[in-house]
Amino acid sequence: MEAAGNYFGHAVAMGTDTVGDRQTPLVYVTWKITHIAENGDWRELLPPIERDTRWFLTDAAWPYTERKLGEVGFNGDFTNPAASGAAVDPGMELECKHEQRDGKNYERWDLPYGSRETAPPPDETLRRWGAKWKAERKPGGRPSTPPPAKPKPSTQITDEDIGPTVDSEAPQANDSDIPF
């Protein structure tokens, strides 16, 4: 079993099949996986491995399957399916996840979630959150309010606590005035 994570490979075959007691139809892509992502770099897998991505051909799964088929450049012919474009050359990023079924561990391969179609939030929402961010922060991500003043120690002694200093006009004591 391969480690869960991100991989890179290219499509080498595509076909259809059925699975399970209900014979649920699916379309699969076989990938020759050549690299694994490690610490921000791609490390070559020697030897390369082959794994399948599978997408179900049911009404419920269709929106997801249709998007994935578009990403691999599906030719539109389910009787003779083929991938094209980036899926074949230079290849695409794939994701391996682990799941348990019937007490056994399985790999589940798919195109990464990040490859899905996205829609940015409405402009008004972005402006509102941008204004909130700027109102609460200075450039550089620091809070806009200054840090609290350093508190004075509670045992601080001032000149008033000590009393007056020696008066220059007062008679000065000499050693003979000390009673001990």
N, C-alpha and C. Protein backbone atom coordinates (compact mmCIF):
# COMPACT_ATOMS: atom_id res chain seq x y z
N MET A 1 0.85 -1.17 0.00
CA MET A 1 0.00 0.00 0.00
C MET A 1 0.90 1.24 0.00
N GLU A 2 0.59 2.16 -0.89
CA GLU A 2 1.35 3.40 -0.97
C GLU A 2 0.92 4.35 0.15
N ALA A 3 1.81 5.23 0.52
CA ALA A 3 1.51 6.21 1.56
C ALA A 3 0.43 7.18 1.05
N ALA A 4 -0.41 7.63 1.95
CA ALA A 4 -1.38 8.66 1.60
C ALA A 4 -0.62 9.92 1.25
N GLY A 5 -1.09 10.66 0.25
CA GLY A 5 -0.43 11.90 -0.13
C GLY A 5 -0.65 12.23 -1.59
N ASN A 6 0.15 13.17 -2.09
CA ASN A 6 0.03 13.63 -3.48
C ASN A 6 1.10 12.99 -4.34
N TYR A 7 0.68 12.64 -5.55
CA TYR A 7 1.53 11.94 -6.50
C TYR A 7 1.40 12.62 -7.86
N PHE A 8 2.26 12.23 -8.80
CA PHE A 8 2.19 12.74 -10.16
C PHE A 8 2.30 11.57 -11.11
N GLY A 9 1.43 11.57 -12.13
CA GLY A 9 1.47 10.49 -13.11
C GLY A 9 0.76 10.89 -14.38
N HIS A 10 0.78 9.98 -15.36
CA HIS A 10 0.08 10.26 -16.60
C HIS A 10 -0.81 9.08 -16.97
N ALA A 11 -1.92 9.41 -17.65
CA ALA A 11 -2.91 8.41 -18.02
C ALA A 11 -2.34 7.48 -19.08
N VAL A 12 -2.48 6.16 -18.85
CA VAL A 12 -2.00 5.18 -19.83
C VAL A 12 -3.15 4.36 -20.41
N ALA A 13 -4.32 4.39 -19.78
CA ALA A 13 -5.48 3.64 -20.29
C ALA A 13 -6.74 4.23 -19.68
N MET A 14 -7.85 3.96 -20.35
CA MET A 14 -9.15 4.39 -19.84
C MET A 14 -10.16 3.36 -20.28
N GLY A 15 -11.14 3.06 -19.42
CA GLY A 15 -12.14 2.07 -19.76
C GLY A 15 -13.37 2.19 -18.89
N THR A 16 -14.28 1.24 -19.08
CA THR A 16 -15.50 1.17 -18.27
C THR A 16 -15.58 -0.20 -17.64
N ASP A 17 -16.34 -0.28 -16.55
CA ASP A 17 -16.46 -1.54 -15.81
C ASP A 17 -17.72 -1.45 -14.96
N THR A 18 -17.99 -2.52 -14.23
CA THR A 18 -19.05 -2.52 -13.23
C THR A 18 -18.47 -3.07 -11.94
N VAL A 19 -19.09 -2.71 -10.82
CA VAL A 19 -18.58 -3.15 -9.53
C VAL A 19 -19.74 -3.43 -8.58
N GLY A 20 -19.50 -4.39 -7.67
CA GLY A 20 -20.46 -4.67 -6.62
C GLY A 20 -21.59 -5.58 -7.04
N ASP A 21 -22.41 -5.93 -6.05
CA ASP A 21 -23.56 -6.82 -6.28
C ASP A 21 -24.56 -6.21 -7.25
N ARG A 22 -24.67 -4.91 -7.25
CA ARG A 22 -25.63 -4.23 -8.12
C ARG A 22 -25.05 -3.93 -9.50
N GLN A 23 -23.77 -4.30 -9.69
CA GLN A 23 -23.10 -4.05 -10.97
C GLN A 23 -23.19 -2.58 -11.38
N THR A 24 -22.77 -1.70 -10.46
CA THR A 24 -22.78 -0.26 -10.70
C THR A 24 -21.75 0.09 -11.76
N PRO A 25 -22.18 0.77 -12.83
CA PRO A 25 -21.23 1.11 -13.89
C PRO A 25 -20.28 2.22 -13.44
N LEU A 26 -19.06 2.14 -13.97
CA LEU A 26 -18.05 3.16 -13.67
C LEU A 26 -17.12 3.34 -14.85
N VAL A 27 -16.41 4.44 -14.83
CA VAL A 27 -15.35 4.69 -15.80
C VAL A 27 -14.06 4.82 -15.00
N TYR A 28 -12.99 4.28 -15.54
CA TYR A 28 -11.71 4.34 -14.82
C TYR A 28 -10.62 4.88 -15.73
N VAL A 29 -9.60 5.44 -15.09
CA VAL A 29 -8.38 5.85 -15.78
C VAL A 29 -7.24 5.14 -15.07
N THR A 30 -6.40 4.45 -15.82
CA THR A 30 -5.19 3.83 -15.26
C THR A 30 -4.05 4.82 -15.44
N TRP A 31 -3.34 5.07 -14.34
CA TRP A 31 -2.25 6.05 -14.30
C TRP A 31 -0.93 5.36 -14.06
N LYS A 32 0.08 5.78 -14.77
CA LYS A 32 1.46 5.40 -14.46
C LYS A 32 1.99 6.51 -13.56
N ILE A 33 2.18 6.18 -12.28
CA ILE A 33 2.57 7.17 -11.28
C ILE A 33 4.07 7.15 -11.13
N THR A 34 4.68 8.30 -11.37
CA THR A 34 6.14 8.38 -11.44
C THR A 34 6.79 9.17 -10.30
N HIS A 35 6.01 9.98 -9.59
CA HIS A 35 6.59 10.83 -8.54
C HIS A 35 5.64 10.95 -7.34
N ILE A 36 6.23 11.20 -6.17
CA ILE A 36 5.49 11.47 -4.95
C ILE A 36 5.95 12.83 -4.41
N ALA A 37 5.03 13.58 -3.84
CA ALA A 37 5.37 14.88 -3.25
C ALA A 37 5.91 14.65 -1.84
N GLU A 38 7.12 15.17 -1.60
CA GLU A 38 7.75 15.06 -0.28
C GLU A 38 8.45 16.35 0.05
N ASN A 39 8.08 16.96 1.15
CA ASN A 39 8.73 18.18 1.63
C ASN A 39 8.80 19.28 0.56
N GLY A 40 7.73 19.44 -0.19
CA GLY A 40 7.68 20.50 -1.19
C GLY A 40 8.35 20.20 -2.51
N ASP A 41 8.88 18.99 -2.68
CA ASP A 41 9.53 18.60 -3.93
C ASP A 41 8.93 17.28 -4.43
N TRP A 42 9.18 16.98 -5.70
CA TRP A 42 8.76 15.71 -6.27
C TRP A 42 9.92 14.73 -6.20
N ARG A 43 9.67 13.56 -5.61
CA ARG A 43 10.68 12.50 -5.57
C ARG A 43 10.23 11.40 -6.53
N GLU A 44 11.14 10.96 -7.36
CA GLU A 44 10.82 9.94 -8.36
C GLU A 44 10.55 8.60 -7.68
N LEU A 45 9.51 7.90 -8.15
CA LEU A 45 9.20 6.55 -7.68
C LEU A 45 9.89 5.55 -8.59
N LEU A 46 10.74 4.74 -8.02
CA LEU A 46 11.42 3.71 -8.80
C LEU A 46 11.14 2.36 -8.18
N PRO A 47 10.51 1.48 -8.87
CA PRO A 47 9.91 1.65 -10.20
C PRO A 47 8.58 2.41 -10.09
N PRO A 48 8.12 2.97 -11.20
CA PRO A 48 6.80 3.61 -11.20
C PRO A 48 5.72 2.58 -10.87
N ILE A 49 4.59 3.05 -10.40
CA ILE A 49 3.47 2.15 -10.08
C ILE A 49 2.28 2.51 -10.95
N GLU A 50 1.34 1.60 -11.08
CA GLU A 50 0.09 1.89 -11.79
C GLU A 50 -1.07 1.79 -10.82
N ARG A 51 -1.95 2.78 -10.88
CA ARG A 51 -3.15 2.81 -10.05
C ARG A 51 -4.29 3.36 -10.89
N ASP A 52 -5.52 3.06 -10.46
CA ASP A 52 -6.72 3.51 -11.16
C ASP A 52 -7.48 4.56 -10.35
N THR A 53 -8.02 5.55 -11.06
CA THR A 53 -9.06 6.41 -10.50
C THR A 53 -10.36 5.87 -11.07
N ARG A 54 -11.42 5.86 -10.24
CA ARG A 54 -12.71 5.33 -10.69
C ARG A 54 -13.81 6.32 -10.36
N TRP A 55 -14.67 6.55 -11.33
CA TRP A 55 -15.79 7.46 -11.14
C TRP A 55 -17.06 6.76 -11.61
N PHE A 56 -18.08 6.80 -10.75
CA PHE A 56 -19.31 6.06 -11.02
C PHE A 56 -20.17 6.75 -12.06
N LEU A 57 -20.84 5.93 -12.85
CA LEU A 57 -21.75 6.41 -13.89
C LEU A 57 -23.19 6.19 -13.40
N THR A 58 -23.58 7.03 -12.44
CA THR A 58 -24.95 7.01 -11.92
C THR A 58 -25.46 8.45 -11.93
N ASP A 59 -26.77 8.60 -11.87
CA ASP A 59 -27.34 9.95 -11.86
C ASP A 59 -26.82 10.76 -10.67
N ALA A 60 -26.73 10.12 -9.50
CA ALA A 60 -26.28 10.84 -8.31
C ALA A 60 -24.81 11.27 -8.42
N ALA A 61 -23.99 10.44 -9.02
CA ALA A 61 -22.56 10.73 -9.12
C ALA A 61 -22.20 11.56 -10.35
N TRP A 62 -23.13 11.75 -11.28
CA TRP A 62 -22.82 12.35 -12.54
C TRP A 62 -22.15 13.74 -12.45
N PRO A 63 -22.63 14.67 -11.64
CA PRO A 63 -21.95 15.98 -11.61
C PRO A 63 -20.46 15.87 -11.26
N TYR A 64 -20.13 15.02 -10.32
CA TYR A 64 -18.74 14.81 -9.92
C TYR A 64 -17.97 14.11 -11.04
N THR A 65 -18.54 13.03 -11.58
CA THR A 65 -17.89 12.27 -12.64
C THR A 65 -17.68 13.13 -13.88
N GLU A 66 -18.68 13.92 -14.23
CA GLU A 66 -18.57 14.77 -15.41
C GLU A 66 -17.40 15.76 -15.26
N ARG A 67 -17.26 16.34 -14.09
CA ARG A 67 -16.16 17.28 -13.86
C ARG A 67 -14.81 16.58 -13.98
N LYS A 68 -14.68 15.39 -13.39
CA LYS A 68 -13.42 14.65 -13.44
C LYS A 68 -13.09 14.22 -14.86
N LEU A 69 -14.10 13.80 -15.61
CA LEU A 69 -13.88 13.41 -17.01
C LEU A 69 -13.39 14.60 -17.83
N GLY A 70 -13.94 15.78 -17.56
CA GLY A 70 -13.49 16.99 -18.25
C GLY A 70 -12.03 17.29 -17.93
N GLU A 71 -11.62 17.06 -16.67
CA GLU A 71 -10.25 17.34 -16.27
C GLU A 71 -9.24 16.43 -16.96
N VAL A 72 -9.64 15.20 -17.27
CA VAL A 72 -8.70 14.28 -17.92
C VAL A 72 -8.81 14.31 -19.44
N GLY A 73 -9.61 15.23 -19.98
CA GLY A 73 -9.72 15.35 -21.44
C GLY A 73 -10.44 14.18 -22.08
N PHE A 74 -11.48 13.67 -21.42
CA PHE A 74 -12.27 12.54 -21.94
C PHE A 74 -12.79 12.83 -23.34
N ASN A 75 -12.68 11.81 -24.21
CA ASN A 75 -13.08 11.97 -25.61
C ASN A 75 -14.59 11.89 -25.83
N GLY A 76 -15.38 11.60 -24.79
CA GLY A 76 -16.84 11.57 -24.92
C GLY A 76 -17.40 10.25 -25.42
N ASP A 77 -16.59 9.25 -25.68
CA ASP A 77 -17.04 7.96 -26.21
C ASP A 77 -16.90 6.89 -25.14
N PHE A 78 -18.03 6.53 -24.50
CA PHE A 78 -17.97 5.53 -23.42
C PHE A 78 -17.72 4.12 -23.94
N THR A 79 -17.91 3.88 -25.24
CA THR A 79 -17.61 2.55 -25.77
C THR A 79 -16.12 2.39 -26.07
N ASN A 80 -15.42 3.50 -26.24
CA ASN A 80 -13.98 3.47 -26.48
C ASN A 80 -13.35 4.70 -25.81
N PRO A 81 -13.41 4.78 -24.47
CA PRO A 81 -12.97 6.00 -23.77
C PRO A 81 -11.46 6.20 -23.87
N ALA A 82 -11.07 7.46 -23.92
CA ALA A 82 -9.65 7.82 -23.93
C ALA A 82 -9.47 9.18 -23.26
N ALA A 83 -8.36 9.32 -22.59
CA ALA A 83 -7.97 10.59 -21.99
C ALA A 83 -7.07 11.32 -22.97
N SER A 84 -6.94 12.63 -22.80
CA SER A 84 -6.08 13.41 -23.69
C SER A 84 -5.56 14.62 -22.94
N GLY A 85 -4.76 15.41 -23.62
CA GLY A 85 -4.26 16.64 -23.05
C GLY A 85 -3.29 16.39 -21.91
N ALA A 86 -3.36 17.24 -20.90
CA ALA A 86 -2.42 17.19 -19.78
C ALA A 86 -2.45 15.86 -19.05
N ALA A 87 -3.59 15.17 -19.05
CA ALA A 87 -3.65 13.87 -18.36
C ALA A 87 -2.67 12.87 -18.96
N VAL A 88 -2.42 13.00 -20.26
CA VAL A 88 -1.51 12.09 -20.95
C VAL A 88 -0.08 12.64 -20.96
N ASP A 89 0.06 13.89 -21.32
CA ASP A 89 1.38 14.51 -21.39
C ASP A 89 1.25 15.98 -21.05
N PRO A 90 1.86 16.48 -20.03
CA PRO A 90 2.94 15.90 -19.24
C PRO A 90 2.47 15.02 -18.09
N GLY A 91 1.18 15.08 -17.72
CA GLY A 91 0.65 14.31 -16.62
C GLY A 91 -0.09 15.21 -15.66
N MET A 92 -0.63 14.60 -14.60
CA MET A 92 -1.44 15.35 -13.64
C MET A 92 -1.11 14.91 -12.22
N GLU A 93 -1.48 15.77 -11.30
CA GLU A 93 -1.34 15.44 -9.89
C GLU A 93 -2.49 14.53 -9.49
N LEU A 94 -2.18 13.55 -8.66
CA LEU A 94 -3.16 12.60 -8.13
C LEU A 94 -3.05 12.58 -6.61
N GLU A 95 -4.09 12.11 -5.99
CA GLU A 95 -4.10 12.04 -4.53
C GLU A 95 -4.47 10.63 -4.09
N CYS A 96 -3.71 10.10 -3.14
CA CYS A 96 -4.00 8.79 -2.57
C CYS A 96 -4.50 9.00 -1.15
N LYS A 97 -5.65 8.44 -0.86
CA LYS A 97 -6.20 8.45 0.50
C LYS A 97 -6.41 7.01 0.92
N HIS A 98 -6.41 6.80 2.22
CA HIS A 98 -6.67 5.47 2.76
C HIS A 98 -8.06 5.44 3.36
N GLU A 99 -8.74 4.32 3.16
CA GLU A 99 -10.05 4.14 3.79
C GLU A 99 -10.22 2.68 4.18
N GLN A 100 -11.09 2.46 5.14
CA GLN A 100 -11.36 1.10 5.61
C GLN A 100 -12.76 0.69 5.20
N ARG A 101 -12.86 -0.53 4.69
CA ARG A 101 -14.15 -1.14 4.37
C ARG A 101 -14.06 -2.60 4.73
N ASP A 102 -15.07 -3.08 5.40
CA ASP A 102 -15.13 -4.49 5.78
C ASP A 102 -13.88 -4.93 6.54
N GLY A 103 -13.34 -4.04 7.37
CA GLY A 103 -12.16 -4.36 8.18
C GLY A 103 -10.85 -4.41 7.42
N LYS A 104 -10.87 -3.97 6.16
CA LYS A 104 -9.64 -3.97 5.36
C LYS A 104 -9.28 -2.54 4.96
N ASN A 105 -7.99 -2.29 4.81
CA ASN A 105 -7.50 -0.98 4.36
C ASN A 105 -7.38 -0.97 2.84
N TYR A 106 -7.82 0.14 2.25
CA TYR A 106 -7.77 0.30 0.80
C TYR A 106 -7.18 1.67 0.44
N GLU A 107 -6.56 1.72 -0.73
CA GLU A 107 -6.15 3.00 -1.30
C GLU A 107 -7.33 3.52 -2.12
N ARG A 108 -7.55 4.83 -2.06
CA ARG A 108 -8.53 5.46 -2.95
C ARG A 108 -7.82 6.58 -3.68
N TRP A 109 -7.70 6.42 -4.99
CA TRP A 109 -6.98 7.39 -5.83
C TRP A 109 -7.97 8.30 -6.53
N ASP A 110 -7.62 9.57 -6.62
CA ASP A 110 -8.48 10.53 -7.31
C ASP A 110 -7.64 11.74 -7.71
N LEU A 111 -8.24 12.60 -8.52
CA LEU A 111 -7.62 13.89 -8.77
C LEU A 111 -7.81 14.70 -7.50
N PRO A 112 -6.86 15.52 -7.13
CA PRO A 112 -6.98 16.24 -5.86
C PRO A 112 -8.22 17.12 -5.82
N TYR A 113 -8.70 17.32 -4.62
CA TYR A 113 -9.89 18.14 -4.41
C TYR A 113 -9.70 19.54 -4.95
N GLY A 114 -8.48 20.05 -4.87
CA GLY A 114 -8.18 21.39 -5.34
C GLY A 114 -8.39 21.57 -6.83
N SER A 115 -8.56 20.47 -7.57
CA SER A 115 -8.74 20.60 -9.00
C SER A 115 -10.19 20.86 -9.38
N ARG A 116 -11.06 20.91 -8.38
CA ARG A 116 -12.47 21.15 -8.68
C ARG A 116 -12.70 22.57 -9.16
N GLU A 117 -13.81 22.79 -9.82
CA GLU A 117 -14.15 24.13 -10.26
C GLU A 117 -14.49 24.95 -9.02
N THR A 118 -14.05 26.18 -9.01
CA THR A 118 -14.35 27.04 -7.87
C THR A 118 -15.05 28.30 -8.36
N ALA A 119 -15.77 28.92 -7.46
CA ALA A 119 -16.42 30.19 -7.75
C ALA A 119 -16.06 31.15 -6.63
N PRO A 120 -15.46 32.29 -6.94
CA PRO A 120 -15.10 33.22 -5.88
C PRO A 120 -16.35 33.80 -5.23
N PRO A 121 -16.25 34.22 -3.98
CA PRO A 121 -17.39 34.86 -3.32
C PRO A 121 -17.76 36.16 -4.06
N PRO A 122 -18.97 36.65 -3.87
CA PRO A 122 -19.37 37.91 -4.53
C PRO A 122 -18.45 39.06 -4.11
N ASP A 123 -18.28 40.02 -5.01
CA ASP A 123 -17.40 41.18 -4.76
C ASP A 123 -17.76 41.90 -3.47
N GLU A 124 -19.05 42.06 -3.21
CA GLU A 124 -19.49 42.76 -1.99
C GLU A 124 -18.97 42.05 -0.74
N THR A 125 -19.01 40.73 -0.73
CA THR A 125 -18.51 39.96 0.41
C THR A 125 -17.01 40.17 0.56
N LEU A 126 -16.27 40.15 -0.52
CA LEU A 126 -14.82 40.35 -0.47
C LEU A 126 -14.48 41.76 0.02
N ARG A 127 -15.23 42.76 -0.44
CA ARG A 127 -14.98 44.14 0.00
C ARG A 127 -15.25 44.28 1.50
N ARG A 128 -16.34 43.68 1.97
CA ARG A 128 -16.70 43.79 3.39
C ARG A 128 -15.62 43.16 4.26
N TRP A 129 -15.14 41.97 3.90
CA TRP A 129 -14.11 41.31 4.70
C TRP A 129 -12.76 42.02 4.56
N GLY A 130 -12.48 42.58 3.40
CA GLY A 130 -11.26 43.35 3.22
C GLY A 130 -11.25 44.59 4.11
N ALA A 131 -12.40 45.29 4.19
CA ALA A 131 -12.50 46.47 5.05
C ALA A 131 -12.35 46.08 6.51
N LYS A 132 -12.94 44.98 6.89
CA LYS A 132 -12.82 44.50 8.28
C LYS A 132 -11.36 44.20 8.60
N TRP A 133 -10.68 43.55 7.70
CA TRP A 133 -9.26 43.22 7.91
C TRP A 133 -8.43 44.49 8.08
N LYS A 134 -8.62 45.44 7.18
CA LYS A 134 -7.84 46.68 7.25
C LYS A 134 -8.16 47.49 8.49
N ALA A 135 -9.42 47.47 8.92
CA ALA A 135 -9.81 48.24 10.09
C ALA A 135 -9.18 47.68 11.36
N GLU A 136 -8.91 46.42 11.39
CA GLU A 136 -8.39 45.78 12.60
C GLU A 136 -6.89 45.52 12.56
N ARG A 137 -6.25 45.79 11.45
CA ARG A 137 -4.83 45.46 11.32
C ARG A 137 -4.07 46.57 10.62
N LYS A 138 -2.78 46.63 10.92
CA LYS A 138 -1.87 47.51 10.20
C LYS A 138 -1.18 46.65 9.14
N PRO A 139 -0.54 47.27 8.17
CA PRO A 139 0.22 46.47 7.21
C PRO A 139 1.23 45.58 7.95
N GLY A 140 1.41 44.41 7.44
CA GLY A 140 2.33 43.47 8.09
C GLY A 140 1.62 42.55 9.06
N GLY A 141 0.31 42.70 9.19
CA GLY A 141 -0.45 41.79 10.03
C GLY A 141 -0.38 42.08 11.51
N ARG A 142 0.11 43.26 11.90
CA ARG A 142 0.18 43.60 13.32
C ARG A 142 -1.12 44.26 13.75
N PRO A 143 -1.51 44.10 15.01
CA PRO A 143 -2.72 44.77 15.49
C PRO A 143 -2.56 46.29 15.41
N SER A 144 -3.65 46.99 15.17
CA SER A 144 -3.59 48.44 15.03
C SER A 144 -3.55 49.14 16.38
N THR A 145 -3.96 48.49 17.44
CA THR A 145 -3.92 49.13 18.75
C THR A 145 -2.53 48.97 19.35
N PRO A 146 -2.04 50.02 20.05
CA PRO A 146 -0.71 49.91 20.66
C PRO A 146 -0.74 48.95 21.84
N PRO A 147 0.41 48.42 22.19
CA PRO A 147 0.44 47.54 23.35
C PRO A 147 0.14 48.35 24.60
N PRO A 148 -0.38 47.74 25.65
CA PRO A 148 -0.67 48.48 26.88
C PRO A 148 0.63 49.02 27.47
N ALA A 149 0.51 50.15 28.20
CA ALA A 149 1.68 50.75 28.84
C ALA A 149 2.23 49.78 29.88
N LYS A 150 3.54 49.83 30.05
CA LYS A 150 4.18 48.97 31.02
C LYS A 150 3.73 49.40 32.42
N PRO A 151 3.19 48.51 33.21
CA PRO A 151 2.71 48.90 34.53
C PRO A 151 3.88 49.27 35.44
N LYS A 152 3.63 50.23 36.37
CA LYS A 152 4.64 50.63 37.35
C LYS A 152 4.64 49.60 38.46
N PRO A 153 5.81 49.27 38.97
CA PRO A 153 5.84 48.32 40.09
C PRO A 153 5.11 48.91 41.29
N SER A 154 4.44 48.10 42.06
CA SER A 154 3.67 48.59 43.20
C SER A 154 4.58 49.03 44.34
N THR A 155 5.84 48.67 44.38
CA THR A 155 6.77 49.04 45.45
C THR A 155 7.67 50.20 45.05
N GLN A 156 7.30 50.92 44.01
CA GLN A 156 8.13 52.03 43.56
C GLN A 156 8.12 53.14 44.61
N ILE A 157 9.30 53.66 44.93
CA ILE A 157 9.45 54.72 45.93
C ILE A 157 9.78 56.00 45.21
N THR A 158 9.06 57.08 45.56
CA THR A 158 9.30 58.38 44.94
C THR A 158 10.03 59.29 45.93
N ASP A 159 10.47 60.45 45.45
CA ASP A 159 11.15 61.43 46.31
C ASP A 159 10.24 61.88 47.44
N GLU A 160 8.93 61.97 47.19
CA GLU A 160 7.99 62.39 48.22
C GLU A 160 7.96 61.39 49.37
N ASP A 161 8.13 60.07 49.03
CA ASP A 161 8.13 59.04 50.07
C ASP A 161 9.37 59.18 50.95
N ILE A 162 10.47 59.65 50.43
CA ILE A 162 11.73 59.76 51.19
C ILE A 162 11.72 60.98 52.08
N GLY A 163 11.13 62.04 51.65
CA GLY A 163 11.12 63.28 52.44
C GLY A 163 12.17 64.24 51.92
N PRO A 164 12.33 65.37 52.65
CA PRO A 164 13.26 66.38 52.17
C PRO A 164 14.70 65.91 52.29
N THR A 165 15.52 66.43 51.43
CA THR A 165 16.95 66.13 51.47
C THR A 165 17.60 67.01 52.52
N VAL A 166 18.85 66.84 52.77
CA VAL A 166 19.57 67.61 53.79
C VAL A 166 19.52 69.09 53.44
N ASP A 167 19.13 69.87 54.42
CA ASP A 167 19.05 71.33 54.24
C ASP A 167 20.45 71.90 54.40
N SER A 168 20.90 72.65 53.44
CA SER A 168 22.26 73.20 53.50
C SER A 168 22.42 74.23 54.60
N GLU A 169 21.32 74.83 55.08
CA GLU A 169 21.40 75.83 56.13
C GLU A 169 21.32 75.21 57.52
N ALA A 170 20.93 74.00 57.64
CA ALA A 170 20.82 73.33 58.94
C ALA A 170 22.19 72.96 59.44
N PRO A 171 22.38 72.94 60.78
CA PRO A 171 23.68 72.55 61.31
C PRO A 171 23.99 71.12 60.94
N GLN A 172 25.20 70.84 60.58
CA GLN A 172 25.64 69.53 60.18
C GLN A 172 26.10 68.74 61.38
N ALA A 173 25.74 67.46 61.41
CA ALA A 173 26.18 66.60 62.51
C ALA A 173 27.62 66.20 62.29
N ASN A 174 28.36 66.05 63.40
CA ASN A 174 29.71 65.55 63.27
C ASN A 174 29.79 64.22 64.01
N ASP A 175 30.89 63.52 63.90
CA ASP A 175 31.02 62.20 64.50
C ASP A 175 30.81 62.22 66.01
N SER A 176 31.11 63.32 66.70
CA SER A 176 30.98 63.38 68.15
C SER A 176 29.50 63.48 68.56
N ASP A 177 28.62 63.85 67.63
CA ASP A 177 27.18 63.95 67.96
C ASP A 177 26.49 62.60 67.93
N ILE A 178 27.14 61.57 67.45
CA ILE A 178 26.53 60.25 67.34
C ILE A 178 26.61 59.60 68.70
N PRO A 179 25.47 59.14 69.28
CA PRO A 179 25.43 58.66 70.65
C PRO A 179 26.10 57.31 70.87
N PHE A 180 26.60 56.65 70.00
CA PHE A 180 27.22 55.35 70.27
C PHE A 180 28.64 55.27 69.95
